[in-house]
Amino acid sequence: MTTKELLYIEDALGHEKYFQTRCKETASQLQDPELRNQVESLSQRHSQIFKNFYGLL
């Protein structure tokens, strides 16, 4: 792999981790249970994407 490709992978993994963290933080602040569940679902989805992407490496 080239340096540029490795940097792209690092960025993609970092973005997924960031989105997961932000969704968790946001969900913990929400009052509406339905909305909180949706945001928690997004957090889990980003976690799964991270794991799948990392697994490909």
N, C-alpha and C. Protein backbone atom coordinates (compact mmCIF):
# COMPACT_ATOMS: atom_id res chain seq x y z
N MET A 1 0.83 -1.19 0.00
CA MET A 1 0.00 0.00 0.00
C MET A 1 0.87 1.24 0.00
N THR A 2 0.35 2.24 -0.65
CA THR A 2 1.09 3.50 -0.68
C THR A 2 0.81 4.29 0.60
N THR A 3 1.62 5.27 0.83
CA THR A 3 1.44 6.14 1.98
C THR A 3 0.09 6.85 1.92
N LYS A 4 -0.29 7.28 0.73
CA LYS A 4 -1.55 7.97 0.55
C LYS A 4 -2.73 7.05 0.87
N GLU A 5 -2.65 5.80 0.45
CA GLU A 5 -3.72 4.84 0.75
C GLU A 5 -3.83 4.57 2.25
N LEU A 6 -2.69 4.45 2.90
CA LEU A 6 -2.69 4.23 4.35
C LEU A 6 -3.28 5.43 5.09
N LEU A 7 -2.98 6.62 4.62
CA LEU A 7 -3.55 7.83 5.23
C LEU A 7 -5.06 7.87 5.04
N TYR A 8 -5.53 7.44 3.87
CA TYR A 8 -6.97 7.41 3.62
C TYR A 8 -7.64 6.43 4.58
N ILE A 9 -7.06 5.27 4.77
CA ILE A 9 -7.62 4.27 5.68
C ILE A 9 -7.63 4.80 7.11
N GLU A 10 -6.55 5.42 7.51
CA GLU A 10 -6.47 6.00 8.85
C GLU A 10 -7.56 7.06 9.05
N ASP A 11 -7.76 7.90 8.05
CA ASP A 11 -8.80 8.93 8.12
C ASP A 11 -10.20 8.31 8.21
N ALA A 12 -10.45 7.30 7.39
CA ALA A 12 -11.76 6.66 7.38
C ALA A 12 -12.06 6.01 8.73
N LEU A 13 -11.09 5.32 9.31
CA LEU A 13 -11.28 4.72 10.62
C LEU A 13 -11.49 5.79 11.69
N GLY A 14 -10.73 6.85 11.60
CA GLY A 14 -10.88 7.95 12.55
C GLY A 14 -12.25 8.60 12.47
N HIS A 15 -12.76 8.75 11.26
CA HIS A 15 -14.09 9.35 11.09
C HIS A 15 -15.16 8.46 11.70
N GLU A 16 -15.08 7.17 11.47
CA GLU A 16 -16.07 6.26 12.04
C GLU A 16 -16.02 6.28 13.57
N LYS A 17 -14.83 6.31 14.13
CA LYS A 17 -14.68 6.36 15.59
C LYS A 17 -15.25 7.68 16.12
N TYR A 18 -14.99 8.77 15.42
CA TYR A 18 -15.50 10.08 15.81
C TYR A 18 -17.03 10.09 15.79
N PHE A 19 -17.63 9.59 14.70
CA PHE A 19 -19.09 9.57 14.60
C PHE A 19 -19.70 8.71 15.70
N GLN A 20 -19.08 7.60 16.00
CA GLN A 20 -19.56 6.73 17.06
C GLN A 20 -19.56 7.47 18.41
N THR A 21 -18.45 8.13 18.70
CA THR A 21 -18.33 8.87 19.96
C THR A 21 -19.34 10.00 20.05
N ARG A 22 -19.47 10.76 18.98
CA ARG A 22 -20.42 11.89 18.98
C ARG A 22 -21.85 11.40 19.14
N CYS A 23 -22.20 10.30 18.51
CA CYS A 23 -23.56 9.76 18.65
C CYS A 23 -23.82 9.32 20.09
N LYS A 24 -22.84 8.68 20.71
CA LYS A 24 -23.00 8.25 22.10
C LYS A 24 -23.21 9.47 23.01
N GLU A 25 -22.38 10.49 22.82
CA GLU A 25 -22.49 11.70 23.64
C GLU A 25 -23.84 12.38 23.43
N THR A 26 -24.26 12.47 22.19
CA THR A 26 -25.53 13.12 21.88
C THR A 26 -26.69 12.34 22.46
N ALA A 27 -26.67 11.01 22.32
CA ALA A 27 -27.75 10.17 22.84
C ALA A 27 -27.91 10.34 24.35
N SER A 28 -26.80 10.47 25.04
CA SER A 28 -26.86 10.60 26.50
C SER A 28 -27.50 11.91 26.94
N GLN A 29 -27.57 12.88 26.04
CA GLN A 29 -28.13 14.19 26.37
C GLN A 29 -29.58 14.36 25.92
N LEU A 30 -30.09 13.39 25.17
CA LEU A 30 -31.44 13.53 24.63
C LEU A 30 -32.50 13.11 25.65
N GLN A 31 -33.59 13.84 25.68
CA GLN A 31 -34.71 13.54 26.57
C GLN A 31 -35.71 12.58 25.92
N ASP A 32 -35.94 12.75 24.64
CA ASP A 32 -36.92 11.94 23.90
C ASP A 32 -36.40 10.52 23.72
N PRO A 33 -37.07 9.53 24.29
CA PRO A 33 -36.58 8.15 24.22
C PRO A 33 -36.50 7.61 22.79
N GLU A 34 -37.45 7.97 21.96
CA GLU A 34 -37.44 7.49 20.58
C GLU A 34 -36.25 8.05 19.80
N LEU A 35 -36.01 9.32 19.97
CA LEU A 35 -34.88 9.97 19.31
C LEU A 35 -33.56 9.42 19.86
N ARG A 36 -33.51 9.22 21.19
CA ARG A 36 -32.31 8.66 21.82
C ARG A 36 -32.00 7.27 21.25
N ASN A 37 -33.05 6.46 21.08
CA ASN A 37 -32.86 5.12 20.51
C ASN A 37 -32.32 5.19 19.07
N GLN A 38 -32.82 6.15 18.31
CA GLN A 38 -32.34 6.30 16.93
C GLN A 38 -30.86 6.69 16.89
N VAL A 39 -30.47 7.60 17.75
CA VAL A 39 -29.08 8.06 17.79
C VAL A 39 -28.17 6.95 18.33
N GLU A 40 -28.65 6.19 19.31
CA GLU A 40 -27.88 5.05 19.80
C GLU A 40 -27.70 4.01 18.71
N SER A 41 -28.72 3.83 17.90
CA SER A 41 -28.64 2.92 16.77
C SER A 41 -27.58 3.38 15.77
N LEU A 42 -27.52 4.68 15.54
CA LEU A 42 -26.48 5.23 14.66
C LEU A 42 -25.08 4.97 15.24
N SER A 43 -24.95 5.11 16.54
CA SER A 43 -23.68 4.85 17.19
C SER A 43 -23.25 3.40 16.99
N GLN A 44 -24.19 2.49 17.17
CA GLN A 44 -23.89 1.07 16.97
C GLN A 44 -23.54 0.78 15.52
N ARG A 45 -24.22 1.44 14.61
CA ARG A 45 -23.95 1.26 13.17
C ARG A 45 -22.53 1.72 12.84
N HIS A 46 -22.13 2.86 13.36
CA HIS A 46 -20.77 3.35 13.10
C HIS A 46 -19.73 2.43 13.74
N SER A 47 -20.06 1.87 14.88
CA SER A 47 -19.16 0.91 15.53
C SER A 47 -19.00 -0.32 14.65
N GLN A 48 -20.09 -0.79 14.07
CA GLN A 48 -20.04 -1.98 13.20
C GLN A 48 -19.26 -1.68 11.92
N ILE A 49 -19.47 -0.51 11.36
CA ILE A 49 -18.72 -0.13 10.15
C ILE A 49 -17.23 -0.10 10.46
N PHE A 50 -16.86 0.47 11.62
CA PHE A 50 -15.46 0.52 12.02
C PHE A 50 -14.89 -0.89 12.12
N LYS A 51 -15.61 -1.78 12.80
CA LYS A 51 -15.14 -3.16 12.98
C LYS A 51 -15.00 -3.89 11.64
N ASN A 52 -15.98 -3.70 10.76
CA ASN A 52 -15.92 -4.34 9.45
C ASN A 52 -14.75 -3.83 8.62
N PHE A 53 -14.58 -2.52 8.63
CA PHE A 53 -13.51 -1.91 7.86
C PHE A 53 -12.14 -2.34 8.41
N TYR A 54 -12.02 -2.32 9.74
CA TYR A 54 -10.78 -2.73 10.37
C TYR A 54 -10.49 -4.20 10.11
N GLY A 55 -11.54 -5.00 10.08
CA GLY A 55 -11.40 -6.43 9.80
C GLY A 55 -10.87 -6.72 8.41
N LEU A 56 -11.13 -5.84 7.48
CA LEU A 56 -10.64 -6.02 6.12
C LEU A 56 -9.11 -5.85 6.04
N LEU A 57 -8.57 -5.14 7.01
CA LEU A 57 -7.13 -4.90 6.99
C LEU A 57 -6.42 -6.12 7.50
